[in-house]
PDB file of N, CA and C in Angstrom:
ATOM      1  N   MET A   1       0.838  -1.185   0.000  1.00  0.00           N
ATOM      2  CA  MET A   1       0.000   0.000   0.000  1.00  0.00           C
ATOM      3  C   MET A   1       0.883   1.249   0.000  1.00  0.00           C
ATOM      4  N   TRP A   2       0.738   2.069   1.026  1.00  0.00           N
ATOM      5  CA  TRP A   2       1.495   3.314   1.115  1.00  0.00           C
ATOM      6  C   TRP A   2       2.708   3.112   2.004  1.00  0.00           C
ATOM      7  N   SER A   3       3.855   3.582   1.558  1.00  0.00           N
ATOM      8  CA  SER A   3       5.041   3.503   2.399  1.00  0.00           C
ATOM      9  C   SER A   3       4.979   4.610   3.445  1.00  0.00           C
ATOM     10  N   SER A   4       5.769   4.461   4.489  1.00  0.00           N
ATOM     11  CA  SER A   4       5.739   5.462   5.565  1.00  0.00           C
ATOM     12  C   SER A   4       6.262   6.807   5.066  1.00  0.00           C
ATOM     13  N   ALA A   5       7.247   6.804   4.162  1.00  0.00           N
ATOM     14  CA  ALA A   5       7.773   8.062   3.626  1.00  0.00           C
ATOM     15  C   ALA A   5       6.714   8.772   2.793  1.00  0.00           C
ATOM     16  N   CYS A   6       5.938   7.994   2.048  1.00  0.00           N
ATOM     17  CA  CYS A   6       4.897   8.590   1.221  1.00  0.00           C
ATOM     18  C   CYS A   6       3.791   9.175   2.095  1.00  0.00           C
ATOM     19  N   LEU A   7       3.418   8.464   3.153  1.00  0.00           N
ATOM     20  CA  LEU A   7       2.402   8.980   4.074  1.00  0.00           C
ATOM     21  C   LEU A   7       2.898  10.233   4.780  1.00  0.00           C
ATOM     22  N   GLU A   8       4.181  10.226   5.157  1.00  0.00           N
ATOM     23  CA  GLU A   8       4.747  11.399   5.826  1.00  0.00           C
ATOM     24  C   GLU A   8       4.757  12.605   4.887  1.00  0.00           C
ATOM     25  N   ALA A   9       5.092  12.382   3.629  1.00  0.00           N
ATOM     26  CA  ALA A   9       5.088  13.479   2.662  1.00  0.00           C
ATOM     27  C   ALA A   9       3.670  13.999   2.453  1.00  0.00           C
ATOM     28  N   HIS A  10       2.690  13.073   2.437  1.00  0.00           N
ATOM     29  CA  HIS A  10       1.297  13.496   2.273  1.00  0.00           C
ATOM     30  C   HIS A  10       0.845  14.336   3.468  1.00  0.00           C
ATOM     31  N   GLU A  11       1.249  13.935   4.672  1.00  0.00           N
ATOM     32  CA  GLU A  11       0.910  14.722   5.862  1.00  0.00           C
ATOM     33  C   GLU A  11       1.580  16.094   5.809  1.00  0.00           C
ATOM     34  N   ASN A  12       2.822  16.137   5.331  1.00  0.00           N
ATOM     35  CA  ASN A  12       3.525  17.418   5.231  1.00  0.00           C
ATOM     36  C   ASN A  12       2.837  18.348   4.242  1.00  0.00           C
ATOM     37  N   VAL A  13       2.367  17.797   3.131  1.00  0.00           N
ATOM     38  CA  VAL A  13       1.668  18.622   2.151  1.00  0.00           C
ATOM     39  C   VAL A  13       0.375  19.149   2.749  1.00  0.00           C
ATOM     40  N   ARG A  14      -0.331  18.293   3.494  1.00  0.00           N
ATOM     41  CA  ARG A  14      -1.562  18.742   4.127  1.00  0.00           C
ATOM     42  C   ARG A  14      -1.264  19.821   5.167  1.00  0.00           C
ATOM     43  N   LEU A  15      -0.183  19.663   5.924  1.00  0.00           N
ATOM     44  CA  LEU A  15       0.214  20.683   6.895  1.00  0.00           C
ATOM     45  C   LEU A  15       0.592  21.973   6.182  1.00  0.00           C
ATOM     46  N   LEU A  16       1.254  21.837   5.039  1.00  0.00           N
ATOM     47  CA  LEU A  16       1.647  23.018   4.269  1.00  0.00           C
ATOM     48  C   LEU A  16       0.425  23.814   3.820  1.00  0.00           C
ATOM     49  N   LYS A  17      -0.643  23.115   3.449  1.00  0.00           N
ATOM     50  CA  LYS A  17      -1.858  23.805   3.020  1.00  0.00           C
ATOM     51  C   LYS A  17      -2.558  24.483   4.188  1.00  0.00           C
ATOM     52  N   LEU A  18      -2.363  23.985   5.391  1.00  0.00           N
ATOM     53  CA  LEU A  18      -3.047  24.548   6.551  1.00  0.00           C
ATOM     54  C   LEU A  18      -2.339  25.759   7.129  1.00  0.00           C
ATOM     55  N   LEU A  19      -1.081  25.962   6.746  1.00  0.00           N
ATOM     56  CA  LEU A  19      -0.352  27.092   7.316  1.00  0.00           C
ATOM     57  C   LEU A  19      -0.960  28.399   6.843  1.00  0.00           C
ATOM     58  N   PRO A  20      -1.299  29.283   7.750  1.00  0.00           N
ATOM     59  CA  PRO A  20      -1.862  30.569   7.325  1.00  0.00           C
ATOM     60  C   PRO A  20      -0.793  31.456   6.710  1.00  0.00           C
ATOM     61  N   VAL A  21      -1.231  32.487   6.026  1.00  0.00           N
ATOM     62  CA  VAL A  21      -0.302  33.359   5.316  1.00  0.00           C
ATOM     63  C   VAL A  21       0.522  34.190   6.290  1.00  0.00           C
ATOM     64  N   PHE A  22      -0.126  34.864   7.221  1.00  0.00           N
ATOM     65  CA  PHE A  22       0.582  35.724   8.160  1.00  0.00           C
ATOM     66  C   PHE A  22       0.410  35.168   9.565  1.00  0.00           C
ATOM     67  N   ASP A  23       1.268  34.263   9.946  1.00  0.00           N
ATOM     68  CA  ASP A  23       1.172  33.663  11.271  1.00  0.00           C
ATOM     69  C   ASP A  23       2.570  33.585  11.851  1.00  0.00           C
ATOM     70  N   THR A  24       2.708  33.998  13.092  1.00  0.00           N
ATOM     71  CA  THR A  24       4.032  33.954  13.711  1.00  0.00           C
ATOM     72  C   THR A  24       4.469  32.528  13.969  1.00  0.00           C
ATOM     73  N   GLY A  25       3.531  31.632  14.157  1.00  0.00           N
ATOM     74  CA  GLY A  25       3.881  30.243  14.403  1.00  0.00           C
ATOM     75  C   GLY A  25       4.211  29.476  13.150  1.00  0.00           C
ATOM     76  N   SER A  26       3.976  30.064  11.990  1.00  0.00           N
ATOM     77  CA  SER A  26       4.227  29.325  10.757  1.00  0.00           C
ATOM     78  C   SER A  26       5.713  29.078  10.545  1.00  0.00           C
ATOM     79  N   PHE A  27       6.565  29.974  11.058  1.00  0.00           N
ATOM     80  CA  PHE A  27       8.004  29.759  10.908  1.00  0.00           C
ATOM     81  C   PHE A  27       8.434  28.511  11.662  1.00  0.00           C
ATOM     82  N   ILE A  28       7.907  28.342  12.870  1.00  0.00           N
ATOM     83  CA  ILE A  28       8.251  27.152  13.657  1.00  0.00           C
ATOM     84  C   ILE A  28       7.711  25.908  12.968  1.00  0.00           C
ATOM     85  N   ALA A  29       6.502  25.997  12.419  1.00  0.00           N
ATOM     86  CA  ALA A  29       5.932  24.852  11.720  1.00  0.00           C
ATOM     87  C   ALA A  29       6.732  24.528  10.463  1.00  0.00           C
ATOM     88  N   LEU A  30       7.289  25.541   9.820  1.00  0.00           N
ATOM     89  CA  LEU A  30       8.083  25.300   8.613  1.00  0.00           C
ATOM     90  C   LEU A  30       9.356  24.526   8.909  1.00  0.00           C
ATOM     91  N   LEU A  31       9.862  24.631  10.135  1.00  0.00           N
ATOM     92  CA  LEU A  31      11.087  23.919  10.475  1.00  0.00           C
ATOM     93  C   LEU A  31      10.897  22.411  10.428  1.00  0.00           C
ATOM     94  N   TYR A  32       9.664  21.943  10.596  1.00  0.00           N
ATOM     95  CA  TYR A  32       9.404  20.514  10.610  1.00  0.00           C
ATOM     96  C   TYR A  32       9.096  19.955   9.227  1.00  0.00           C
ATOM     97  N   LEU A  33       9.012  20.819   8.229  1.00  0.00           N
ATOM     98  CA  LEU A  33       8.751  20.359   6.872  1.00  0.00           C
ATOM     99  C   LEU A  33      10.058  20.039   6.158  1.00  0.00           C
ATOM    100  N   PRO A  34      10.013  19.162   5.161  1.00  0.00           N
ATOM    101  CA  PRO A  34      11.210  18.915   4.355  1.00  0.00           C
ATOM    102  C   PRO A  34      11.636  20.184   3.620  1.00  0.00           C
ATOM    103  N   TYR A  35      12.905  20.227   3.243  1.00  0.00           N
ATOM    104  CA  TYR A  35      13.469  21.435   2.636  1.00  0.00           C
ATOM    105  C   TYR A  35      12.727  21.835   1.365  1.00  0.00           C
ATOM    106  N   SER A  36      12.389  20.875   0.520  1.00  0.00           N
ATOM    107  CA  SER A  36      11.734  21.202  -0.752  1.00  0.00           C
ATOM    108  C   SER A  36      10.379  21.855  -0.521  1.00  0.00           C
ATOM    109  N   LEU A  37       9.644  21.399   0.481  1.00  0.00           N
ATOM    110  CA  LEU A  37       8.345  22.006   0.768  1.00  0.00           C
ATOM    111  C   LEU A  37       8.511  23.381   1.393  1.00  0.00           C
ATOM    112  N   ARG A  38       9.557  23.544   2.223  1.00  0.00           N
ATOM    113  CA  ARG A  38       9.792  24.861   2.833  1.00  0.00           C
ATOM    114  C   ARG A  38      10.091  25.898   1.768  1.00  0.00           C
ATOM    115  N   VAL A  39      10.942  25.537   0.814  1.00  0.00           N
ATOM    116  CA  VAL A  39      11.315  26.480  -0.235  1.00  0.00           C
ATOM    117  C   VAL A  39      10.093  26.841  -1.066  1.00  0.00           C
ATOM    118  N   GLY A  40       9.267  25.849  -1.382  1.00  0.00           N
ATOM    119  CA  GLY A  40       8.055  26.115  -2.146  1.00  0.00           C
ATOM    120  C   GLY A  40       7.094  27.009  -1.398  1.00  0.00           C
ATOM    121  N   TYR A  41       6.948  26.775  -0.097  1.00  0.00           N
ATOM    122  CA  TYR A  41       6.031  27.586   0.707  1.00  0.00           C
ATOM    123  C   TYR A  41       6.529  29.016   0.815  1.00  0.00           C
ATOM    124  N   LEU A  42       7.825  29.181   1.066  1.00  0.00           N
ATOM    125  CA  LEU A  42       8.362  30.531   1.232  1.00  0.00           C
ATOM    126  C   LEU A  42       8.323  31.312  -0.075  1.00  0.00           C
ATOM    127  N   SER A  43       8.590  30.646  -1.197  1.00  0.00           N
ATOM    128  CA  SER A  43       8.529  31.371  -2.466  1.00  0.00           C
ATOM    129  C   SER A  43       7.087  31.726  -2.813  1.00  0.00           C
ATOM    130  N   ALA A  44       6.138  30.881  -2.432  1.00  0.00           N
ATOM    131  CA  ALA A  44       4.731  31.206  -2.668  1.00  0.00           C
ATOM    132  C   ALA A  44       4.316  32.394  -1.810  1.00  0.00           C
ATOM    133  N   GLN A  45       4.807  32.448  -0.572  1.00  0.00           N
ATOM    134  CA  GLN A  45       4.478  33.574   0.297  1.00  0.00           C
ATOM    135  C   GLN A  45       5.118  34.851  -0.221  1.00  0.00           C
ATOM    136  N   GLU A  46       6.340  34.736  -0.751  1.00  0.00           N
ATOM    137  CA  GLU A  46       7.006  35.901  -1.332  1.00  0.00           C
ATOM    138  C   GLU A  46       6.207  36.431  -2.517  1.00  0.00           C
ATOM    139  N   ALA A  47       5.685  35.529  -3.328  1.00  0.00           N
ATOM    140  CA  ALA A  47       4.895  35.942  -4.479  1.00  0.00           C
ATOM    141  C   ALA A  47       3.604  36.618  -4.033  1.00  0.00           C
ATOM    142  N   LEU A  48       3.015  36.136  -2.937  1.00  0.00           N
ATOM    143  CA  LEU A  48       1.791  36.756  -2.437  1.00  0.00           C
ATOM    144  C   LEU A  48       2.060  38.137  -1.857  1.00  0.00           C
ATOM    145  N   MET A  49       3.243  38.322  -1.281  1.00  0.00           N
ATOM    146  CA  MET A  49       3.539  39.580  -0.613  1.00  0.00           C
ATOM    147  C   MET A  49       4.003  40.670  -1.573  1.00  0.00           C
ATOM    148  N   THR A  50       4.377  40.312  -2.775  1.00  0.00           N
ATOM    149  CA  THR A  50       4.794  41.342  -3.727  1.00  0.00           C
ATOM    150  C   THR A  50       3.555  41.906  -4.394  1.00  0.00           C
ATOM    151  N   ILE A  51       3.141  43.058  -3.947  1.00  0.00           N
ATOM    152  CA  ILE A  51       1.946  43.718  -4.453  1.00  0.00           C
ATOM    153  C   ILE A  51       2.395  44.948  -5.222  1.00  0.00           C
ATOM    154  N   ASP A  52       1.829  45.143  -6.390  1.00  0.00           N
ATOM    155  CA  ASP A  52       2.151  46.342  -7.157  1.00  0.00           C
ATOM    156  C   ASP A  52       1.541  47.546  -6.468  1.00  0.00           C
ATOM    157  N   ARG A  53       2.380  48.487  -6.136  1.00  0.00           N
ATOM    158  CA  ARG A  53       1.908  49.693  -5.465  1.00  0.00           C
ATOM    159  C   ARG A  53       1.919  50.844  -6.454  1.00  0.00           C
ATOM    160  N   THR A  54       0.883  51.631  -6.441  1.00  0.00           N
ATOM    161  CA  THR A  54       0.845  52.837  -7.252  1.00  0.00           C
ATOM    162  C   THR A  54       0.995  54.021  -6.324  1.00  0.00           C
ATOM    163  N   TYR A  55       2.025  54.780  -6.549  1.00  0.00           N
ATOM    164  CA  TYR A  55       2.309  55.922  -5.702  1.00  0.00           C
ATOM    165  C   TYR A  55       1.691  57.180  -6.302  1.00  0.00           C
ATOM    166  N   PRO A  56       1.312  58.134  -5.452  1.00  0.00           N
ATOM    167  CA  PRO A  56       0.747  59.378  -5.982  1.00  0.00           C
ATOM    168  C   PRO A  56       1.802  60.163  -6.751  1.00  0.00           C
ATOM    169  N   ILE A  57       1.357  60.914  -7.744  1.00  0.00           N
ATOM    170  CA  ILE A  57       2.285  61.685  -8.569  1.00  0.00           C
ATOM    171  C   ILE A  57       2.834  62.863  -7.776  1.00  0.00           C
ATOM    172  N   PHE A  58       1.962  63.570  -7.100  1.00  0.00           N
ATOM    173  CA  PHE A  58       2.370  64.763  -6.359  1.00  0.00           C
ATOM    174  C   PHE A  58       2.552  64.406  -4.887  1.00  0.00           C
ATOM    175  N   THR A  59       3.783  64.114  -4.518  1.00  0.00           N
ATOM    176  CA  THR A  59       4.087  63.844  -3.118  1.00  0.00           C
ATOM    177  C   THR A  59       4.553  65.137  -2.461  1.00  0.00           C
ATOM    178  N   VAL A  60       4.726  65.093  -1.153  1.00  0.00           N
ATOM    179  CA  VAL A  60       5.209  66.274  -0.428  1.00  0.00           C
ATOM    180  C   VAL A  60       6.602  66.644  -0.925  1.00  0.00           C
ATOM    181  N   ARG A  61       7.436  65.646  -1.159  1.00  0.00           N
ATOM    182  CA  ARG A  61       8.787  65.927  -1.652  1.00  0.00           C
ATOM    183  C   ARG A  61       8.735  66.603  -3.015  1.00  0.00           C
ATOM    184  N   TRP A  62       7.864  66.111  -3.908  1.00  0.00           N
ATOM    185  CA  TRP A  62       7.732  66.708  -5.236  1.00  0.00           C
ATOM    186  C   TRP A  62       7.291  68.158  -5.121  1.00  0.00           C
ATOM    187  N   LEU A  63       6.322  68.422  -4.252  1.00  0.00           N
ATOM    188  CA  LEU A  63       5.828  69.788  -4.089  1.00  0.00           C
ATOM    189  C   LEU A  63       6.906  70.713  -3.530  1.00  0.00           C
ATOM    190  N   VAL A  64       7.703  70.228  -2.569  1.00  0.00           N
ATOM    191  CA  VAL A  64       8.767  71.058  -1.989  1.00  0.00           C
ATOM    192  C   VAL A  64       9.834  71.363  -3.028  1.00  0.00           C
ATOM    193  N   VAL A  65      10.284  70.346  -3.741  1.00  0.00           N
ATOM    194  CA  VAL A  65      11.344  70.542  -4.738  1.00  0.00           C
ATOM    195  C   VAL A  65      10.887  71.504  -5.823  1.00  0.00           C
ATOM    196  N   HIS A  66       9.697  71.310  -6.347  1.00  0.00           N
ATOM    197  CA  HIS A  66       9.223  72.180  -7.420  1.00  0.00           C
ATOM    198  C   HIS A  66       8.824  73.554  -6.901  1.00  0.00           C
ATOM    199  N   GLY A  67       8.348  73.606  -5.666  1.00  0.00           N
ATOM    200  CA  GLY A  67       8.027  74.907  -5.082  1.00  0.00           C
ATOM    201  C   GLY A  67       9.251  75.778  -4.885  1.00  0.00           C
ATOM    202  N   LEU A  68      10.414  75.167  -4.706  1.00  0.00           N
ATOM    203  CA  LEU A  68      11.660  75.931  -4.578  1.00  0.00           C
ATOM    204  C   LEU A  68      12.365  76.105  -5.922  1.00  0.00           C
ATOM    205  N   ALA A  69      12.313  75.095  -6.763  1.00  0.00           N
ATOM    206  CA  ALA A  69      13.073  75.133  -8.016  1.00  0.00           C
ATOM    207  C   ALA A  69      12.447  76.063  -9.051  1.00  0.00           C
ATOM    208  N   VAL A  70      11.140  76.050  -9.180  1.00  0.00           N
ATOM    209  CA  VAL A  70      10.494  76.871 -10.216  1.00  0.00           C
ATOM    210  C   VAL A  70      10.724  78.362  -9.973  1.00  0.00           C
ATOM    211  N   PRO A  71      10.489  78.898  -8.766  1.00  0.00           N
ATOM    212  CA  PRO A  71      10.788  80.324  -8.559  1.00  0.00           C
ATOM    213  C   PRO A  71      12.279  80.643  -8.680  1.00  0.00           C
ATOM    214  N   ALA A  72      13.138  79.703  -8.242  1.00  0.00           N
ATOM    215  CA  ALA A  72      14.579  79.954  -8.338  1.00  0.00           C
ATOM    216  C   ALA A  72      14.999  80.095  -9.798  1.00  0.00           C
ATOM    217  N   VAL A  73      14.520  79.215 -10.652  1.00  0.00           N
ATOM    218  CA  VAL A  73      14.857  79.293 -12.074  1.00  0.00           C
ATOM    219  C   VAL A  73      14.266  80.558 -12.687  1.00  0.00           C
ATOM    220  N   PHE A  74      13.054  80.929 -12.279  1.00  0.00           N
ATOM    221  CA  PHE A  74      12.430  82.151 -12.794  1.00  0.00           C
ATOM    222  C   PHE A  74      13.262  83.380 -12.425  1.00  0.00           C
ATOM    223  N   PHE A  75      13.688  83.471 -11.165  1.00  0.00           N
ATOM    224  CA  PHE A  75      14.465  84.636 -10.739  1.00  0.00           C
ATOM    225  C   PHE A  75      15.852  84.653 -11.362  1.00  0.00           C
ATOM    226  N   LEU A  76      16.474  83.494 -11.517  1.00  0.00           N
ATOM    227  CA  LEU A  76      17.768  83.454 -12.201  1.00  0.00           C
ATOM    228  C   LEU A  76      17.618  83.905 -13.654  1.00  0.00           C
ATOM    229  N   GLY A  77      16.536  83.494 -14.294  1.00  0.00           N
ATOM    230  CA  GLY A  77      16.286  83.934 -15.667  1.00  0.00           C
ATOM    231  C   GLY A  77      16.031  85.422 -15.753  1.00  0.00           C
ATOM    232  N   SER A  78      15.315  85.972 -14.775  1.00  0.00           N
ATOM    233  CA  SER A  78      15.047  87.417 -14.811  1.00  0.00           C
ATOM    234  C   SER A  78      16.316  88.216 -14.536  1.00  0.00           C
ATOM    235  N   ILE A  79      17.176  87.728 -13.647  1.00  0.00           N
ATOM    236  CA  ILE A  79      18.457  88.407 -13.396  1.00  0.00           C
ATOM    237  C   ILE A  79      19.326  88.354 -14.648  1.00  0.00           C
ATOM    238  N   LEU A  80      19.341  87.222 -15.312  1.00  0.00           N
ATOM    239  CA  LEU A  80      20.104  87.087 -16.549  1.00  0.00           C
ATOM    240  C   LEU A  80      19.560  88.029 -17.625  1.00  0.00           C
ATOM    241  N   ALA A  81      18.242  88.135 -17.703  1.00  0.00           N
ATOM    242  CA  ALA A  81      17.643  89.018 -18.710  1.00  0.00           C
ATOM    243  C   ALA A  81      17.962  90.475 -18.425  1.00  0.00           C
ATOM    244  N   MET A  82      18.066  90.849 -17.145  1.00  0.00           N
ATOM    245  CA  MET A  82      18.376  92.238 -16.788  1.00  0.00           C
ATOM    246  C   MET A  82      19.781  92.639 -17.234  1.00  0.00           C
ATOM    247  N   GLN A  83      20.652  91.662 -17.432  1.00  0.00           N
ATOM    248  CA  GLN A  83      22.009  91.973 -17.854  1.00  0.00           C
ATOM    249  C   GLN A  83      22.035  92.561 -19.267  1.00  0.00           C
ATOM    250  N   PHE A  84      21.023  92.253 -20.035  1.00  0.00           N
ATOM    251  CA  PHE A  84      21.004  92.687 -21.431  1.00  0.00           C
ATOM    252  C   PHE A  84      20.126  93.918 -21.661  1.00  0.00           C
ATOM    253  N   ILE A  85      19.584  94.506 -20.616  1.00  0.00           N
ATOM    254  CA  ILE A  85      18.787  95.729 -20.766  1.00  0.00           C
ATOM    255  C   ILE A  85      19.744  96.887 -21.032  1.00  0.00           C
ATOM    256  N   GLN A  86      19.465  97.648 -22.083  1.00  0.00           N
ATOM    257  CA  GLN A  86      20.318  98.795 -22.414  1.00  0.00           C
ATOM    258  C   GLN A  86      19.508 100.078 -22.283  1.00  0.00           C
ATOM    259  N   ARG A  87      20.169 101.146 -21.874  1.00  0.00           N
ATOM    260  CA  ARG A  87      19.494 102.438 -21.762  1.00  0.00           C
ATOM    261  C   ARG A  87      19.553 103.174 -23.056  1.00  0.00           C
TER     262      ARG A  87
END
């Protein structure tokens, strides 16, 4: 029928399916699984945790940089233009 190694692997797979995604005890439970199942479980969790994030276009940093840079460039341009004014 079933060998003990095959039954043990089947139990490990069933345990692997029962492990929740975000559980502090799952790390301890992973220590009792064979290496191949641990690697598969951890890579699956890594894939679940990689979520595409969309960041806002106008962040506080963007507003500060452009709020300082745009007037600075404008004033530098006006000072440069004043150099060419003739009486």
